[in-house]
Amino acid sequence: MTDTKIELCRLYENVSKTTGKRYFVGNLSFTSKLLLLPNEQAKEGEPGWTLFVVERESKPKAATPWTGGEPWTG
């Protein structure tokens, strides 16, 4: 049996502007992202990172300019 790798998403390394701590983030879909944070309370032999699925913030949509005409009703 061969191990097939399927790329889920790519993670990007960032540093928090408020805390100065390192974390990783990547887009999972149009509505969610992955957030990988260090587990600062981890003891020897425990996982050093925690992975979260987080809802993405919606970006404001650009307004459609009104052309002054009536809508087409077909």
C-alpha atoms as a PDB file:
ATOM      1  CA  MET A   1       0.000   0.000   0.000  1.00  0.00           C
ATOM      2  CA  THR A   2       1.329   3.466  -0.881  1.00  0.00           C
ATOM      3  CA  ASP A   3       0.711   6.607   1.108  1.00  0.00           C
ATOM      4  CA  THR A   4      -1.065   9.138  -1.091  1.00  0.00           C
ATOM      5  CA  LYS A   5      -0.690  12.756  -0.061  1.00  0.00           C
ATOM      6  CA  ILE A   6      -3.540  15.156  -0.779  1.00  0.00           C
ATOM      7  CA  GLU A   7      -2.814  18.825  -0.148  1.00  0.00           C
ATOM      8  CA  LEU A   8      -5.517  20.306   2.082  1.00  0.00           C
ATOM      9  CA  CYS A   9      -4.195  23.876   2.194  1.00  0.00           C
ATOM     10  CA  ARG A  10      -0.984  25.819   2.634  1.00  0.00           C
ATOM     11  CA  LEU A  11      -0.111  27.468   5.914  1.00  0.00           C
ATOM     12  CA  TYR A  12       1.631  30.804   6.191  1.00  0.00           C
ATOM     13  CA  GLU A  13       3.790  31.771   9.142  1.00  0.00           C
ATOM     14  CA  ASN A  14       2.848  35.024  10.886  1.00  0.00           C
ATOM     15  CA  VAL A  15       3.789  36.904  14.033  1.00  0.00           C
ATOM     16  CA  SER A  16       1.052  38.530  16.120  1.00  0.00           C
ATOM     17  CA  LYS A  17       1.379  42.315  16.217  1.00  0.00           C
ATOM     18  CA  THR A  18      -0.094  42.416  19.728  1.00  0.00           C
ATOM     19  CA  THR A  19       1.661  39.488  21.439  1.00  0.00           C
ATOM     20  CA  GLY A  20       4.701  38.929  19.213  1.00  0.00           C
ATOM     21  CA  LYS A  21       3.955  35.170  19.148  1.00  0.00           C
ATOM     22  CA  ARG A  22       4.377  32.983  16.078  1.00  0.00           C
ATOM     23  CA  TYR A  23       1.373  31.225  14.496  1.00  0.00           C
ATOM     24  CA  PHE A  24       0.374  29.663  11.166  1.00  0.00           C
ATOM     25  CA  VAL A  25      -2.776  30.321   9.136  1.00  0.00           C
ATOM     26  CA  GLY A  26      -4.206  29.087   5.825  1.00  0.00           C
ATOM     27  CA  ASN A  27      -7.483  29.228   3.892  1.00  0.00           C
ATOM     28  CA  LEU A  28      -9.413  25.985   3.985  1.00  0.00           C
ATOM     29  CA  SER A  29     -12.388  27.204   1.928  1.00  0.00           C
ATOM     30  CA  PHE A  30     -14.238  30.418   1.100  1.00  0.00           C
ATOM     31  CA  THR A  31     -15.837  30.383   4.555  1.00  0.00           C
ATOM     32  CA  SER A  32     -13.233  28.832   6.851  1.00  0.00           C
ATOM     33  CA  LYS A  33      -9.522  28.887   7.608  1.00  0.00           C
ATOM     34  CA  LEU A  34      -7.060  26.790   9.591  1.00  0.00           C
ATOM     35  CA  LEU A  35      -5.232  28.358  12.519  1.00  0.00           C
ATOM     36  CA  LEU A  36      -2.256  26.585  14.113  1.00  0.00           C
ATOM     37  CA  LEU A  37      -1.295  27.992  17.514  1.00  0.00           C
ATOM     38  CA  PRO A  38       1.474  26.937  19.892  1.00  0.00           C
ATOM     39  CA  ASN A  39       0.345  25.098  23.026  1.00  0.00           C
ATOM     40  CA  GLU A  40       2.200  27.118  25.637  1.00  0.00           C
ATOM     41  CA  GLN A  41       1.056  24.907  28.533  1.00  0.00           C
ATOM     42  CA  ALA A  42       2.324  21.726  26.870  1.00  0.00           C
ATOM     43  CA  LYS A  43       4.417  19.533  29.114  1.00  0.00           C
ATOM     44  CA  GLU A  44       7.126  17.115  27.991  1.00  0.00           C
ATOM     45  CA  GLY A  45       5.629  14.560  25.589  1.00  0.00           C
ATOM     46  CA  GLU A  46       2.417  16.545  24.946  1.00  0.00           C
ATOM     47  CA  PRO A  47       1.494  18.136  21.606  1.00  0.00           C
ATOM     48  CA  GLY A  48       3.227  21.464  21.057  1.00  0.00           C
ATOM     49  CA  TRP A  49       0.633  22.866  18.642  1.00  0.00           C
ATOM     50  CA  THR A  50      -3.194  23.054  18.490  1.00  0.00           C
ATOM     51  CA  LEU A  51      -5.062  23.196  15.158  1.00  0.00           C
ATOM     52  CA  PHE A  52      -8.341  25.141  14.905  1.00  0.00           C
ATOM     53  CA  VAL A  53     -10.922  25.543  12.132  1.00  0.00           C
ATOM     54  CA  VAL A  54     -12.097  29.164  12.223  1.00  0.00           C
ATOM     55  CA  GLU A  55     -14.833  31.012  10.325  1.00  0.00           C
ATOM     56  CA  ARG A  56     -13.321  33.505   7.889  1.00  0.00           C
ATOM     57  CA  GLU A  57     -14.256  37.160   8.186  1.00  0.00           C
ATOM     58  CA  SER A  58     -16.396  38.250   5.262  1.00  0.00           C
ATOM     59  CA  LYS A  59     -14.955  41.045   3.171  1.00  0.00           C
ATOM     60  CA  PRO A  60     -17.276  43.902   2.242  1.00  0.00           C
ATOM     61  CA  LYS A  61     -18.593  43.613  -1.301  1.00  0.00           C
ATOM     62  CA  ALA A  62     -18.012  46.446  -3.732  1.00  0.00           C
ATOM     63  CA  ALA A  63     -21.133  48.426  -4.535  1.00  0.00           C
ATOM     64  CA  THR A  64     -22.562  48.006  -8.016  1.00  0.00           C
ATOM     65  CA  PRO A  65     -22.885  51.413  -9.675  1.00  0.00           C
ATOM     66  CA  TRP A  66     -26.407  52.389 -10.699  1.00  0.00           C
ATOM     67  CA  THR A  67     -26.639  53.268 -14.382  1.00  0.00           C
ATOM     68  CA  GLY A  68     -29.953  55.103 -14.102  1.00  0.00           C
ATOM     69  CA  GLY A  69     -31.830  52.657 -16.310  1.00  0.00           C
ATOM     70  CA  GLU A  70     -34.744  50.463 -15.385  1.00  0.00           C
ATOM     71  CA  PRO A  71     -34.016  46.784 -14.622  1.00  0.00           C
ATOM     72  CA  TRP A  72     -34.661  44.422 -17.506  1.00  0.00           C
ATOM     73  CA  THR A  73     -37.621  42.125 -16.781  1.00  0.00           C
ATOM     74  CA  GLY A  74     -37.345  39.907 -19.850  1.00  0.00           C
END
